[in-house]
Amino acid sequence: MSNFFLVVAIFLCCLIVLTLYRAVVGPTVLDRLVGANAIGSKTVVILLLIGFLYGRIEMFVDIAITYTLLNFIAVLGAARYFYKKKG
């Protein structure tokens, strides 16, 4: 079962690289924000998979929740900044 979690984590890392392309090259600011948010979401899933692999899921859930809140606040702040800058 741990091999499955490892393969899924590696696959998600590959997807993060593709999403990073959208976050860097995105034609609009909205594309970049969505790319950054998607990277954050995939990182949370990878953190939880690492918790399963190490058998310390309770510790990694706390880290994942903290990272999710930071990601949400950062994307919300960036969206608000670019909205005010445009208007």
N, C-alpha and C. Protein backbone atom coordinates (compact mmCIF):
# COMPACT_ATOMS: atom_id res chain seq x y z
N MET A 1 0.81 -1.19 0.00
CA MET A 1 0.00 0.00 0.00
C MET A 1 0.85 1.26 0.00
N SER A 2 2.01 1.18 0.66
CA SER A 2 2.87 2.37 0.69
C SER A 2 3.45 2.66 -0.68
N ASN A 3 3.63 1.64 -1.51
CA ASN A 3 4.11 1.89 -2.87
C ASN A 3 3.09 2.69 -3.67
N PHE A 4 1.82 2.41 -3.45
CA PHE A 4 0.77 3.16 -4.12
C PHE A 4 0.81 4.64 -3.74
N PHE A 5 0.94 4.91 -2.44
CA PHE A 5 1.01 6.30 -1.98
C PHE A 5 2.25 7.00 -2.54
N LEU A 6 3.35 6.28 -2.65
CA LEU A 6 4.57 6.86 -3.19
C LEU A 6 4.40 7.19 -4.67
N VAL A 7 3.77 6.31 -5.42
CA VAL A 7 3.55 6.56 -6.85
C VAL A 7 2.60 7.75 -7.04
N VAL A 8 1.56 7.83 -6.22
CA VAL A 8 0.62 8.95 -6.32
C VAL A 8 1.33 10.26 -5.99
N ALA A 9 2.20 10.26 -4.98
CA ALA A 9 2.94 11.47 -4.61
C ALA A 9 3.87 11.91 -5.74
N ILE A 10 4.53 10.97 -6.37
CA ILE A 10 5.42 11.31 -7.49
C ILE A 10 4.61 11.84 -8.67
N PHE A 11 3.45 11.25 -8.93
CA PHE A 11 2.58 11.73 -10.00
C PHE A 11 2.11 13.15 -9.72
N LEU A 12 1.76 13.45 -8.47
CA LEU A 12 1.34 14.80 -8.12
C LEU A 12 2.48 15.80 -8.26
N CYS A 13 3.70 15.37 -7.97
CA CYS A 13 4.86 16.26 -8.18
C CYS A 13 5.02 16.60 -9.66
N CYS A 14 4.78 15.63 -10.52
CA CYS A 14 4.82 15.90 -11.96
C CYS A 14 3.72 16.87 -12.38
N LEU A 15 2.54 16.71 -11.79
CA LEU A 15 1.45 17.64 -12.09
C LEU A 15 1.75 19.05 -11.58
N ILE A 16 2.48 19.14 -10.47
CA ILE A 16 2.85 20.46 -9.96
C ILE A 16 3.77 21.17 -10.93
N VAL A 17 4.65 20.43 -11.58
CA VAL A 17 5.55 21.04 -12.57
C VAL A 17 4.73 21.61 -13.73
N LEU A 18 3.71 20.88 -14.17
CA LEU A 18 2.86 21.39 -15.25
C LEU A 18 2.07 22.62 -14.81
N THR A 19 1.60 22.60 -13.59
CA THR A 19 0.85 23.74 -13.06
C THR A 19 1.77 24.94 -12.85
N LEU A 20 3.02 24.68 -12.51
CA LEU A 20 3.99 25.76 -12.34
C LEU A 20 4.20 26.51 -13.65
N TYR A 21 4.15 25.79 -14.75
CA TYR A 21 4.25 26.44 -16.05
C TYR A 21 3.11 27.45 -16.23
N ARG A 22 1.89 27.04 -15.85
CA ARG A 22 0.74 27.95 -15.97
C ARG A 22 0.87 29.13 -15.02
N ALA A 23 1.43 28.88 -13.85
CA ALA A 23 1.57 29.97 -12.87
C ALA A 23 2.64 30.97 -13.30
N VAL A 24 3.63 30.54 -14.02
CA VAL A 24 4.71 31.45 -14.44
C VAL A 24 4.40 32.12 -15.77
N VAL A 25 3.90 31.35 -16.74
CA VAL A 25 3.72 31.87 -18.09
C VAL A 25 2.30 32.38 -18.34
N GLY A 26 1.37 32.06 -17.45
CA GLY A 26 -0.04 32.42 -17.64
C GLY A 26 -0.26 33.76 -18.29
N PRO A 27 -1.12 33.83 -19.28
CA PRO A 27 -1.29 35.10 -20.00
C PRO A 27 -1.92 36.20 -19.14
N THR A 28 -2.71 35.83 -18.13
CA THR A 28 -3.34 36.85 -17.29
C THR A 28 -2.95 36.61 -15.83
N VAL A 29 -3.23 37.61 -15.03
CA VAL A 29 -2.95 37.50 -13.60
C VAL A 29 -3.85 36.44 -12.97
N LEU A 30 -5.08 36.32 -13.46
CA LEU A 30 -6.00 35.32 -12.93
C LEU A 30 -5.47 33.91 -13.16
N ASP A 31 -4.88 33.66 -14.33
CA ASP A 31 -4.28 32.35 -14.59
C ASP A 31 -3.14 32.06 -13.62
N ARG A 32 -2.36 33.07 -13.32
CA ARG A 32 -1.26 32.89 -12.38
C ARG A 32 -1.76 32.61 -10.97
N LEU A 33 -2.81 33.31 -10.56
CA LEU A 33 -3.38 33.07 -9.23
C LEU A 33 -3.99 31.67 -9.12
N VAL A 34 -4.70 31.25 -10.14
CA VAL A 34 -5.29 29.91 -10.14
C VAL A 34 -4.19 28.85 -10.14
N GLY A 35 -3.11 29.09 -10.88
CA GLY A 35 -1.99 28.16 -10.88
C GLY A 35 -1.32 28.06 -9.51
N ALA A 36 -1.15 29.19 -8.86
CA ALA A 36 -0.55 29.18 -7.52
C ALA A 36 -1.46 28.48 -6.51
N ASN A 37 -2.75 28.69 -6.62
CA ASN A 37 -3.69 28.02 -5.73
C ASN A 37 -3.71 26.51 -5.98
N ALA A 38 -3.63 26.10 -7.23
CA ALA A 38 -3.62 24.68 -7.55
C ALA A 38 -2.35 24.01 -7.03
N ILE A 39 -1.23 24.70 -7.11
CA ILE A 39 0.01 24.16 -6.57
C ILE A 39 -0.11 23.98 -5.07
N GLY A 40 -0.71 24.95 -4.39
CA GLY A 40 -0.90 24.83 -2.96
C GLY A 40 -1.80 23.67 -2.58
N SER A 41 -2.86 23.46 -3.35
CA SER A 41 -3.78 22.36 -3.07
C SER A 41 -3.11 21.01 -3.27
N LYS A 42 -2.34 20.89 -4.32
CA LYS A 42 -1.63 19.63 -4.56
C LYS A 42 -0.56 19.38 -3.51
N THR A 43 0.04 20.44 -3.02
CA THR A 43 1.05 20.30 -1.97
C THR A 43 0.42 19.77 -0.68
N VAL A 44 -0.79 20.20 -0.38
CA VAL A 44 -1.49 19.70 0.80
C VAL A 44 -1.74 18.20 0.67
N VAL A 45 -2.15 17.75 -0.49
CA VAL A 45 -2.37 16.32 -0.70
C VAL A 45 -1.07 15.55 -0.57
N ILE A 46 0.02 16.11 -1.08
CA ILE A 46 1.32 15.44 -0.95
C ILE A 46 1.74 15.36 0.51
N LEU A 47 1.49 16.41 1.28
CA LEU A 47 1.80 16.37 2.71
C LEU A 47 1.03 15.25 3.41
N LEU A 48 -0.23 15.09 3.07
CA LEU A 48 -1.02 14.02 3.67
C LEU A 48 -0.53 12.64 3.25
N LEU A 49 -0.11 12.51 2.01
CA LEU A 49 0.45 11.23 1.55
C LEU A 49 1.76 10.91 2.27
N ILE A 50 2.57 11.92 2.51
CA ILE A 50 3.80 11.71 3.27
C ILE A 50 3.48 11.27 4.68
N GLY A 51 2.42 11.83 5.26
CA GLY A 51 1.98 11.40 6.58
C GLY A 51 1.58 9.94 6.60
N PHE A 52 0.89 9.49 5.56
CA PHE A 52 0.55 8.07 5.46
C PHE A 52 1.80 7.20 5.32
N LEU A 53 2.75 7.67 4.53
CA LEU A 53 3.97 6.88 4.31
C LEU A 53 4.79 6.72 5.58
N TYR A 54 4.87 7.77 6.39
CA TYR A 54 5.65 7.71 7.62
C TYR A 54 4.86 7.20 8.82
N GLY A 55 3.55 7.03 8.65
CA GLY A 55 2.73 6.55 9.76
C GLY A 55 2.48 7.59 10.82
N ARG A 56 2.64 8.86 10.51
CA ARG A 56 2.42 9.96 11.46
C ARG A 56 1.38 10.92 10.89
N ILE A 57 0.23 10.39 10.54
CA ILE A 57 -0.78 11.18 9.86
C ILE A 57 -1.27 12.34 10.72
N GLU A 58 -1.33 12.16 12.06
CA GLU A 58 -1.85 13.22 12.93
C GLU A 58 -0.97 14.46 12.90
N MET A 59 0.34 14.28 12.78
CA MET A 59 1.25 15.42 12.71
C MET A 59 1.14 16.12 11.36
N PHE A 60 1.05 15.34 10.30
CA PHE A 60 1.00 15.93 8.97
C PHE A 60 -0.34 16.57 8.66
N VAL A 61 -1.40 16.12 9.31
CA VAL A 61 -2.70 16.78 9.14
C VAL A 61 -2.64 18.21 9.69
N ASP A 62 -2.00 18.37 10.83
CA ASP A 62 -1.85 19.72 11.39
C ASP A 62 -1.03 20.62 10.46
N ILE A 63 0.03 20.09 9.92
CA ILE A 63 0.86 20.86 8.99
C ILE A 63 0.07 21.20 7.73
N ALA A 64 -0.71 20.24 7.23
CA ALA A 64 -1.49 20.46 6.01
C ALA A 64 -2.57 21.51 6.23
N ILE A 65 -3.22 21.49 7.39
CA ILE A 65 -4.25 22.50 7.68
C ILE A 65 -3.62 23.89 7.75
N THR A 66 -2.48 23.99 8.39
CA THR A 66 -1.79 25.28 8.47
C THR A 66 -1.39 25.77 7.08
N TYR A 67 -0.86 24.88 6.27
CA TYR A 67 -0.46 25.26 4.92
C TYR A 67 -1.66 25.66 4.07
N THR A 68 -2.79 24.98 4.27
CA THR A 68 -4.00 25.33 3.53
C THR A 68 -4.47 26.73 3.89
N LEU A 69 -4.45 27.05 5.17
CA LEU A 69 -4.86 28.40 5.59
C LEU A 69 -3.93 29.47 5.05
N LEU A 70 -2.62 29.21 5.08
CA LEU A 70 -1.67 30.18 4.54
C LEU A 70 -1.86 30.35 3.03
N ASN A 71 -2.11 29.26 2.33
CA ASN A 71 -2.32 29.32 0.89
C ASN A 71 -3.58 30.12 0.58
N PHE A 72 -4.65 29.88 1.32
CA PHE A 72 -5.91 30.59 1.10
C PHE A 72 -5.74 32.09 1.36
N ILE A 73 -5.09 32.45 2.45
CA ILE A 73 -4.90 33.86 2.78
C ILE A 73 -4.00 34.54 1.76
N ALA A 74 -2.97 33.86 1.30
CA ALA A 74 -2.06 34.44 0.32
C ALA A 74 -2.76 34.69 -1.02
N VAL A 75 -3.53 33.73 -1.49
CA VAL A 75 -4.24 33.90 -2.76
C VAL A 75 -5.32 34.97 -2.63
N LEU A 76 -6.00 35.00 -1.50
CA LEU A 76 -7.01 36.03 -1.28
C LEU A 76 -6.38 37.42 -1.24
N GLY A 77 -5.25 37.54 -0.57
CA GLY A 77 -4.54 38.82 -0.51
C GLY A 77 -4.03 39.25 -1.88
N ALA A 78 -3.50 38.32 -2.64
CA ALA A 78 -3.01 38.66 -3.98
C ALA A 78 -4.16 39.06 -4.89
N ALA A 79 -5.29 38.36 -4.80
CA ALA A 79 -6.45 38.71 -5.62
C ALA A 79 -6.96 40.10 -5.27
N ARG A 80 -7.00 40.40 -3.99
CA ARG A 80 -7.48 41.73 -3.57
C ARG A 80 -6.50 42.82 -4.02
N TYR A 81 -5.20 42.53 -3.94
CA TYR A 81 -4.20 43.51 -4.38
C TYR A 81 -4.34 43.81 -5.87
N PHE A 82 -4.45 42.77 -6.67
CA PHE A 82 -4.55 42.98 -8.11
C PHE A 82 -5.89 43.58 -8.50
N TYR A 83 -6.95 43.31 -7.73
CA TYR A 83 -8.24 43.94 -8.01
C TYR A 83 -8.17 45.44 -7.76
N LYS A 84 -7.56 45.84 -6.66
CA LYS A 84 -7.43 47.27 -6.35
C LYS A 84 -6.47 47.96 -7.31
N LYS A 85 -5.42 47.26 -7.71
CA LYS A 85 -4.46 47.84 -8.64
C LYS A 85 -5.09 48.10 -9.99
N LYS A 86 -5.95 47.19 -10.43
CA LYS A 86 -6.60 47.35 -11.72
C LYS A 86 -7.65 48.47 -11.69
N GLY A 87 -8.40 48.56 -10.58
CA GLY A 87 -9.46 49.56 -10.46
C GLY A 87 -8.88 50.90 -10.10
